[in-house]
Amino acid sequence: MSLNLLKRELEKDVLEFDESKVKHEVKLTKKRKKEKKTANSVFNDTDYTKEDDFTKQCLRNIGLLDGNVSVASDKIVKYNHKVKRQVKPEVARSNAAEPSIFTDEDFEVVNKLHFVNSKKAVILDETGKL
């Protein structure tokens, strides 16, 4: 290759490198501008000590509203005792006088039908047939 051809190649590569360097610098300056914009922030300088104090009015209103309410705590106390199992629950009374609709024979048949080691029961109709 000739020397002139090598020089032209070198100049061409140098120009391309300079152009890419300029583009890169432009991108960096844009990023720096964005960073500078976000760095500027405004602080809250208001003085809250000069605001009005409504404490006395609020306490007076609460006192008026509190006088209208009456609370009975009996239900709450009973519920807490029940939840914490401090009171024995009332046992439902079984009425022994009330007869059962099943007889002893019915219970024996059911036992024979549903247990493995017992003899099978034969169920007959009212007429005495299977």
N, C-alpha and C. Protein backbone atom coordinates (compact mmCIF):
# COMPACT_ATOMS: atom_id res chain seq x y z
N MET A 1 0.83 -1.19 0.00
CA MET A 1 0.00 0.00 0.00
C MET A 1 0.87 1.24 0.00
N SER A 2 0.25 2.22 -0.54
CA SER A 2 1.02 3.46 -0.62
C SER A 2 0.85 4.26 0.66
N LEU A 3 1.75 5.15 0.86
CA LEU A 3 1.76 5.99 2.04
C LEU A 3 0.58 6.95 2.03
N ASN A 4 0.22 7.48 0.88
CA ASN A 4 -0.92 8.40 0.78
C ASN A 4 -2.23 7.70 1.16
N LEU A 5 -2.38 6.49 0.72
CA LEU A 5 -3.59 5.73 1.05
C LEU A 5 -3.69 5.49 2.56
N LEU A 6 -2.61 5.19 3.20
CA LEU A 6 -2.60 5.00 4.65
C LEU A 6 -2.92 6.29 5.38
N LYS A 7 -2.40 7.42 4.89
CA LYS A 7 -2.68 8.71 5.52
C LYS A 7 -4.17 9.03 5.43
N ARG A 8 -4.79 8.77 4.25
CA ARG A 8 -6.22 9.07 4.08
C ARG A 8 -7.05 8.20 5.03
N GLU A 9 -6.70 6.94 5.17
CA GLU A 9 -7.41 6.05 6.09
C GLU A 9 -7.29 6.55 7.53
N LEU A 10 -6.11 6.99 7.88
CA LEU A 10 -5.89 7.50 9.23
C LEU A 10 -6.70 8.76 9.48
N GLU A 11 -6.72 9.69 8.55
CA GLU A 11 -7.49 10.93 8.69
C GLU A 11 -8.98 10.63 8.80
N LYS A 12 -9.43 9.69 8.00
CA LYS A 12 -10.84 9.31 8.03
C LYS A 12 -11.22 8.73 9.41
N ASP A 13 -10.41 7.86 9.94
CA ASP A 13 -10.67 7.28 11.26
C ASP A 13 -10.61 8.33 12.36
N VAL A 14 -9.69 9.28 12.26
CA VAL A 14 -9.58 10.35 13.26
C VAL A 14 -10.83 11.21 13.23
N LEU A 15 -11.35 11.55 12.04
CA LEU A 15 -12.57 12.36 11.94
C LEU A 15 -13.77 11.62 12.54
N GLU A 16 -13.89 10.33 12.25
CA GLU A 16 -14.99 9.54 12.82
C GLU A 16 -14.89 9.50 14.34
N PHE A 17 -13.70 9.36 14.87
CA PHE A 17 -13.51 9.34 16.31
C PHE A 17 -13.89 10.67 16.93
N ASP A 18 -13.51 11.78 16.30
CA ASP A 18 -13.85 13.11 16.81
C ASP A 18 -15.36 13.33 16.81
N GLU A 19 -16.04 12.88 15.77
CA GLU A 19 -17.50 13.04 15.70
C GLU A 19 -18.18 12.23 16.80
N SER A 20 -17.75 11.02 17.03
CA SER A 20 -18.35 10.20 18.08
C SER A 20 -18.07 10.79 19.46
N LYS A 21 -16.88 11.39 19.61
CA LYS A 21 -16.54 12.02 20.89
C LYS A 21 -17.44 13.22 21.14
N VAL A 22 -17.73 13.99 20.12
CA VAL A 22 -18.61 15.16 20.25
C VAL A 22 -20.02 14.70 20.62
N LYS A 23 -20.52 13.66 19.97
CA LYS A 23 -21.86 13.14 20.28
C LYS A 23 -21.93 12.66 21.72
N HIS A 24 -20.90 12.00 22.17
CA HIS A 24 -20.86 11.51 23.54
C HIS A 24 -20.86 12.68 24.54
N GLU A 25 -20.13 13.73 24.24
CA GLU A 25 -20.10 14.90 25.11
C GLU A 25 -21.45 15.58 25.17
N VAL A 26 -22.18 15.62 24.05
CA VAL A 26 -23.52 16.22 24.03
C VAL A 26 -24.46 15.42 24.94
N LYS A 27 -24.37 14.12 24.88
CA LYS A 27 -25.21 13.28 25.75
C LYS A 27 -24.89 13.53 27.22
N LEU A 28 -23.61 13.65 27.53
CA LEU A 28 -23.22 13.90 28.93
C LEU A 28 -23.73 15.25 29.42
N THR A 29 -23.69 16.26 28.59
CA THR A 29 -24.17 17.58 29.02
C THR A 29 -25.68 17.54 29.25
N LYS A 30 -26.43 16.79 28.44
CA LYS A 30 -27.87 16.66 28.66
C LYS A 30 -28.15 15.99 30.00
N LYS A 31 -27.39 14.95 30.32
CA LYS A 31 -27.58 14.27 31.60
C LYS A 31 -27.27 15.21 32.76
N ARG A 32 -26.21 16.01 32.60
CA ARG A 32 -25.83 16.94 33.67
C ARG A 32 -26.91 17.99 33.88
N LYS A 33 -27.53 18.45 32.79
CA LYS A 33 -28.61 19.44 32.91
C LYS A 33 -29.79 18.84 33.66
N LYS A 34 -30.12 17.58 33.36
CA LYS A 34 -31.22 16.92 34.07
C LYS A 34 -30.90 16.81 35.55
N GLU A 35 -29.66 16.46 35.87
CA GLU A 35 -29.27 16.33 37.27
C GLU A 35 -29.37 17.67 37.98
N LYS A 36 -28.99 18.73 37.30
CA LYS A 36 -29.06 20.06 37.91
C LYS A 36 -30.51 20.47 38.15
N LYS A 37 -31.41 20.10 37.27
CA LYS A 37 -32.81 20.45 37.44
C LYS A 37 -33.40 19.74 38.64
N THR A 38 -33.05 18.49 38.84
CA THR A 38 -33.61 17.76 39.96
C THR A 38 -32.97 18.18 41.28
N ALA A 39 -31.80 18.73 41.24
CA ALA A 39 -31.12 19.13 42.46
C ALA A 39 -31.78 20.36 43.09
N ASN A 40 -32.44 21.17 42.32
CA ASN A 40 -33.11 22.36 42.85
C ASN A 40 -34.43 21.94 43.48
N SER A 41 -34.55 22.07 44.79
CA SER A 41 -35.79 21.73 45.47
C SER A 41 -36.17 22.87 46.40
N VAL A 42 -37.45 22.96 46.67
CA VAL A 42 -37.97 24.03 47.51
C VAL A 42 -38.40 23.42 48.83
N PHE A 43 -37.98 24.05 49.91
CA PHE A 43 -38.32 23.57 51.24
C PHE A 43 -39.51 24.32 51.78
N ASN A 44 -40.24 23.69 52.68
CA ASN A 44 -41.39 24.31 53.31
C ASN A 44 -40.91 25.22 54.44
N ASP A 45 -41.10 26.50 54.25
CA ASP A 45 -40.63 27.47 55.24
C ASP A 45 -41.77 28.11 56.03
N THR A 46 -42.96 27.53 55.99
CA THR A 46 -44.08 28.16 56.70
C THR A 46 -43.90 27.99 58.20
N ASP A 47 -44.33 28.98 58.94
CA ASP A 47 -44.22 28.99 60.39
C ASP A 47 -45.55 28.54 60.98
N TYR A 48 -45.58 27.35 61.55
CA TYR A 48 -46.82 26.80 62.08
C TYR A 48 -47.11 27.27 63.50
N THR A 49 -46.23 28.00 64.10
CA THR A 49 -46.47 28.47 65.47
C THR A 49 -47.47 29.61 65.50
N LYS A 50 -47.73 30.24 64.36
CA LYS A 50 -48.64 31.38 64.32
C LYS A 50 -50.08 30.98 64.03
N GLU A 51 -50.36 29.67 63.91
CA GLU A 51 -51.71 29.24 63.60
C GLU A 51 -52.60 29.33 64.84
N ASP A 52 -53.93 29.38 64.60
CA ASP A 52 -54.89 29.49 65.69
C ASP A 52 -54.96 28.19 66.48
N ASP A 53 -55.25 28.32 67.78
CA ASP A 53 -55.36 27.16 68.66
C ASP A 53 -56.83 26.93 68.97
N PHE A 54 -57.35 25.79 68.54
CA PHE A 54 -58.76 25.46 68.73
C PHE A 54 -58.95 24.42 69.82
N THR A 55 -58.00 24.25 70.69
CA THR A 55 -58.05 23.19 71.70
C THR A 55 -59.23 23.38 72.65
N LYS A 56 -59.43 24.59 73.15
CA LYS A 56 -60.51 24.83 74.12
C LYS A 56 -61.88 24.60 73.49
N GLN A 57 -62.05 25.02 72.25
CA GLN A 57 -63.33 24.80 71.57
C GLN A 57 -63.59 23.31 71.35
N CYS A 58 -62.56 22.59 70.98
CA CYS A 58 -62.72 21.15 70.75
C CYS A 58 -63.07 20.42 72.04
N LEU A 59 -62.41 20.78 73.13
CA LEU A 59 -62.70 20.14 74.42
C LEU A 59 -64.13 20.46 74.87
N ARG A 60 -64.59 21.68 74.64
CA ARG A 60 -65.96 22.05 75.00
C ARG A 60 -66.96 21.22 74.18
N ASN A 61 -66.71 21.07 72.89
CA ASN A 61 -67.60 20.28 72.03
C ASN A 61 -67.61 18.81 72.43
N ILE A 62 -66.46 18.28 72.78
CA ILE A 62 -66.39 16.89 73.23
C ILE A 62 -67.17 16.71 74.53
N GLY A 63 -67.07 17.65 75.42
CA GLY A 63 -67.82 17.59 76.67
C GLY A 63 -69.31 17.61 76.43
N LEU A 64 -69.78 18.42 75.48
CA LEU A 64 -71.20 18.46 75.16
C LEU A 64 -71.68 17.13 74.58
N LEU A 65 -70.89 16.58 73.67
CA LEU A 65 -71.26 15.31 73.05
C LEU A 65 -71.19 14.15 74.04
N ASP A 66 -70.25 14.19 74.95
CA ASP A 66 -70.07 13.13 75.92
C ASP A 66 -71.24 13.06 76.90
N GLY A 67 -71.86 14.19 77.20
CA GLY A 67 -72.99 14.22 78.12
C GLY A 67 -74.22 13.54 77.54
N ASN A 68 -74.32 13.43 76.23
CA ASN A 68 -75.50 12.84 75.59
C ASN A 68 -75.45 11.32 75.54
N VAL A 69 -74.32 10.74 75.78
CA VAL A 69 -74.14 9.29 75.60
C VAL A 69 -74.15 8.59 76.95
N SER A 70 -74.89 7.46 77.01
CA SER A 70 -74.84 6.62 78.20
C SER A 70 -74.46 5.22 77.76
N VAL A 71 -73.51 4.64 78.42
CA VAL A 71 -72.99 3.34 78.04
C VAL A 71 -73.19 2.37 79.20
N ALA A 72 -73.75 1.20 78.88
CA ALA A 72 -73.91 0.14 79.88
C ALA A 72 -72.89 -0.94 79.54
N SER A 73 -72.10 -1.28 80.52
CA SER A 73 -71.02 -2.24 80.26
C SER A 73 -71.37 -3.66 80.67
N ASP A 74 -72.60 -3.90 81.07
CA ASP A 74 -72.97 -5.25 81.53
C ASP A 74 -72.80 -6.29 80.43
N LYS A 75 -73.26 -5.97 79.22
CA LYS A 75 -73.16 -6.92 78.12
C LYS A 75 -71.70 -7.20 77.76
N ILE A 76 -70.89 -6.18 77.80
CA ILE A 76 -69.47 -6.33 77.47
C ILE A 76 -68.78 -7.23 78.48
N VAL A 77 -69.06 -7.02 79.75
CA VAL A 77 -68.45 -7.82 80.81
C VAL A 77 -68.89 -9.28 80.70
N LYS A 78 -70.18 -9.50 80.47
CA LYS A 78 -70.67 -10.87 80.32
C LYS A 78 -70.01 -11.56 79.13
N TYR A 79 -69.88 -10.85 78.03
CA TYR A 79 -69.25 -11.42 76.84
C TYR A 79 -67.80 -11.79 77.12
N ASN A 80 -67.06 -10.91 77.79
CA ASN A 80 -65.65 -11.20 78.11
C ASN A 80 -65.52 -12.41 79.03
N HIS A 81 -66.40 -12.53 80.01
CA HIS A 81 -66.36 -13.70 80.90
C HIS A 81 -66.65 -14.98 80.11
N LYS A 82 -67.59 -14.89 79.18
CA LYS A 82 -67.94 -16.06 78.38
C LYS A 82 -66.80 -16.45 77.46
N VAL A 83 -66.16 -15.47 76.82
CA VAL A 83 -65.07 -15.75 75.88
C VAL A 83 -63.86 -16.31 76.61
N LYS A 84 -63.58 -15.80 77.79
CA LYS A 84 -62.42 -16.25 78.56
C LYS A 84 -62.73 -17.49 79.40
N ARG A 85 -63.92 -18.01 79.25
CA ARG A 85 -64.36 -19.24 79.93
C ARG A 85 -64.27 -19.12 81.45
N GLN A 86 -64.67 -17.98 81.94
CA GLN A 86 -64.68 -17.79 83.39
C GLN A 86 -66.04 -18.16 83.98
N VAL A 87 -67.04 -18.32 83.13
CA VAL A 87 -68.38 -18.69 83.57
C VAL A 87 -68.71 -20.04 82.93
N LYS A 88 -69.25 -20.94 83.72
CA LYS A 88 -69.62 -22.25 83.17
C LYS A 88 -70.86 -22.07 82.30
N PRO A 89 -70.85 -22.68 81.12
CA PRO A 89 -72.02 -22.54 80.24
C PRO A 89 -73.21 -23.30 80.81
N GLU A 90 -74.38 -22.79 80.51
CA GLU A 90 -75.59 -23.45 81.00
C GLU A 90 -75.81 -24.74 80.22
N VAL A 91 -76.07 -25.81 80.97
CA VAL A 91 -76.28 -27.11 80.35
C VAL A 91 -77.73 -27.19 79.92
N ALA A 92 -77.92 -27.63 78.70
CA ALA A 92 -79.29 -27.79 78.20
C ALA A 92 -79.94 -28.95 78.94
N ARG A 93 -81.12 -28.71 79.45
CA ARG A 93 -81.83 -29.73 80.22
C ARG A 93 -82.51 -30.69 79.26
N SER A 94 -82.24 -31.96 79.44
CA SER A 94 -82.89 -32.96 78.60
C SER A 94 -84.21 -33.36 79.26
N ASN A 95 -85.24 -33.41 78.49
CA ASN A 95 -86.55 -33.78 79.03
C ASN A 95 -86.67 -35.31 79.03
N ALA A 96 -86.55 -35.91 80.20
CA ALA A 96 -86.63 -37.36 80.34
C ALA A 96 -88.07 -37.84 80.13
N ALA A 97 -89.00 -36.97 80.33
CA ALA A 97 -90.40 -37.34 80.18
C ALA A 97 -90.79 -37.48 78.71
N GLU A 98 -90.03 -36.89 77.84
CA GLU A 98 -90.36 -36.95 76.41
C GLU A 98 -89.94 -38.30 75.86
N PRO A 99 -90.86 -39.06 75.32
CA PRO A 99 -90.51 -40.40 74.84
C PRO A 99 -89.78 -40.32 73.49
N SER A 100 -88.99 -41.35 73.23
CA SER A 100 -88.26 -41.44 71.99
C SER A 100 -89.14 -42.08 70.93
N ILE A 101 -88.94 -41.73 69.68
CA ILE A 101 -89.73 -42.32 68.61
C ILE A 101 -89.19 -43.69 68.21
N PHE A 102 -87.99 -44.03 68.70
CA PHE A 102 -87.40 -45.33 68.41
C PHE A 102 -87.56 -46.26 69.60
N THR A 103 -87.71 -47.52 69.30
CA THR A 103 -87.82 -48.51 70.37
C THR A 103 -86.48 -49.24 70.51
N ASP A 104 -86.38 -50.06 71.54
CA ASP A 104 -85.15 -50.82 71.75
C ASP A 104 -84.91 -51.80 70.61
N GLU A 105 -85.98 -52.32 70.05
CA GLU A 105 -85.85 -53.25 68.94
C GLU A 105 -85.24 -52.55 67.71
N ASP A 106 -85.63 -51.30 67.50
CA ASP A 106 -85.08 -50.55 66.37
C ASP A 106 -83.57 -50.35 66.54
N PHE A 107 -83.15 -50.07 67.75
CA PHE A 107 -81.72 -49.89 68.01
C PHE A 107 -80.95 -51.18 67.79
N GLU A 108 -81.52 -52.30 68.17
CA GLU A 108 -80.86 -53.58 67.96
C GLU A 108 -80.70 -53.89 66.48
N VAL A 109 -81.71 -53.58 65.69
CA VAL A 109 -81.64 -53.82 64.24
C VAL A 109 -80.56 -52.96 63.61
N VAL A 110 -80.49 -51.72 64.01
CA VAL A 110 -79.48 -50.82 63.46
C VAL A 110 -78.08 -51.29 63.84
N ASN A 111 -77.91 -51.75 65.06
CA ASN A 111 -76.62 -52.28 65.49
C ASN A 111 -76.20 -53.48 64.66
N LYS A 112 -77.13 -54.36 64.37
CA LYS A 112 -76.81 -55.55 63.59
C LYS A 112 -76.49 -55.19 62.14
N LEU A 113 -77.14 -54.17 61.60
CA LEU A 113 -76.91 -53.79 60.21
C LEU A 113 -75.56 -53.10 60.00
N HIS A 114 -75.13 -52.35 60.95
CA HIS A 114 -73.98 -51.48 60.72
C HIS A 114 -72.68 -51.94 61.35
N PHE A 115 -72.66 -53.06 62.04
CA PHE A 115 -71.42 -53.53 62.62
C PHE A 115 -70.96 -54.78 61.91
N VAL A 116 -69.66 -54.91 61.72
CA VAL A 116 -69.09 -55.97 60.90
C VAL A 116 -69.24 -57.34 61.54
N ASN A 117 -68.96 -57.46 62.81
CA ASN A 117 -68.89 -58.77 63.45
C ASN A 117 -70.24 -59.29 63.94
N SER A 118 -71.29 -58.57 63.74
CA SER A 118 -72.59 -59.04 64.21
C SER A 118 -73.30 -59.82 63.11
N LYS A 119 -74.27 -60.63 63.51
CA LYS A 119 -75.04 -61.39 62.52
C LYS A 119 -75.94 -60.41 61.77
N LYS A 120 -76.14 -60.69 60.50
CA LYS A 120 -76.95 -59.82 59.68
C LYS A 120 -78.41 -59.87 60.13
N ALA A 121 -79.01 -58.71 60.15
CA ALA A 121 -80.41 -58.65 60.54
C ALA A 121 -81.27 -58.79 59.30
N VAL A 122 -82.38 -59.38 59.46
CA VAL A 122 -83.33 -59.54 58.36
C VAL A 122 -84.45 -58.56 58.62
N ILE A 123 -84.70 -57.71 57.64
CA ILE A 123 -85.74 -56.70 57.80
C ILE A 123 -87.02 -57.20 57.15
N LEU A 124 -88.07 -57.21 57.93
CA LEU A 124 -89.37 -57.69 57.46
C LEU A 124 -90.33 -56.53 57.33
N ASP A 125 -91.23 -56.65 56.36
CA ASP A 125 -92.29 -55.62 56.24
C ASP A 125 -93.29 -55.80 57.37
N GLU A 126 -94.28 -54.94 57.38
CA GLU A 126 -95.35 -55.05 58.37
C GLU A 126 -96.15 -56.33 58.17
N THR A 127 -96.12 -56.82 56.93
CA THR A 127 -96.86 -58.06 56.64
C THR A 127 -96.07 -59.29 57.01
N GLY A 128 -94.76 -59.12 57.32
CA GLY A 128 -93.95 -60.25 57.71
C GLY A 128 -93.17 -60.83 56.56
N LYS A 129 -93.13 -60.16 55.42
CA LYS A 129 -92.40 -60.63 54.26
C LYS A 129 -91.09 -59.86 54.13
N LEU A 130 -90.14 -60.45 53.38
CA LEU A 130 -88.85 -59.81 53.14
C LEU A 130 -88.96 -58.65 52.23
